[in-house]
């Protein structure tokens, strides 16, 4: 089945998981020599495809090479993180998935399964940060606070609000007190398929004294 792509399509067709598109419809579609158009025959099988493909993607994502993503995270490179996560967001998010809970789950899944401890809404300091990623081997951690903006032009402001929350609720201090030598913090803002990430390092550079207390 896996030796060629043609074998896979043939098996799905012979077992009824795919059927021929009606001849009249075939004529309306772009044609290639010696090929026919197939379709998923009904809603039940479509649901099987959806679940199977979702499981496959989750497994692939768990073992995929996310070296570049984590390098940017631990270096405090918020511009690179913005670029990488924006690309992934554009490829995966539906136009119906604009709730903060989706973005939170999206990030949690993205950073999970790579050998790090990922804590979601775990109590820290004076509240619960959205996401904490811990590298216990190198004793470093990253705190991510998520905000959803009403407009794309408000993404940067959303990042700043998230960083203010991390600072005021002392999320980093408790993590540092537990023995982590380096704790980075990131404000993450989303608007539909757009993302902006700002590190507390970049925030300090932009605002001078405003970020120094963190």
Foldseek 3Di string as FASTA:
>chain_A
DPPDPVVVVVVCDVVLQKDFDDPVVQVVDDDDPPDGDIDGDDDVSVVVVVVVVVVVVLVCLLPPDPPQLVVCQVVQNQVSNQVVVLVVLVVDDDLVQQDQVSVLVVVQSNPPNPQWDKDAQDDAQQGGFGIKTADPVQLEIETEHEDEDPDPVCQVVQFVVRLVVCLVRVRPVRSVVVPRPYYKYWYWYDYRSHIGIHTLVNVCVVPPPVSPSD
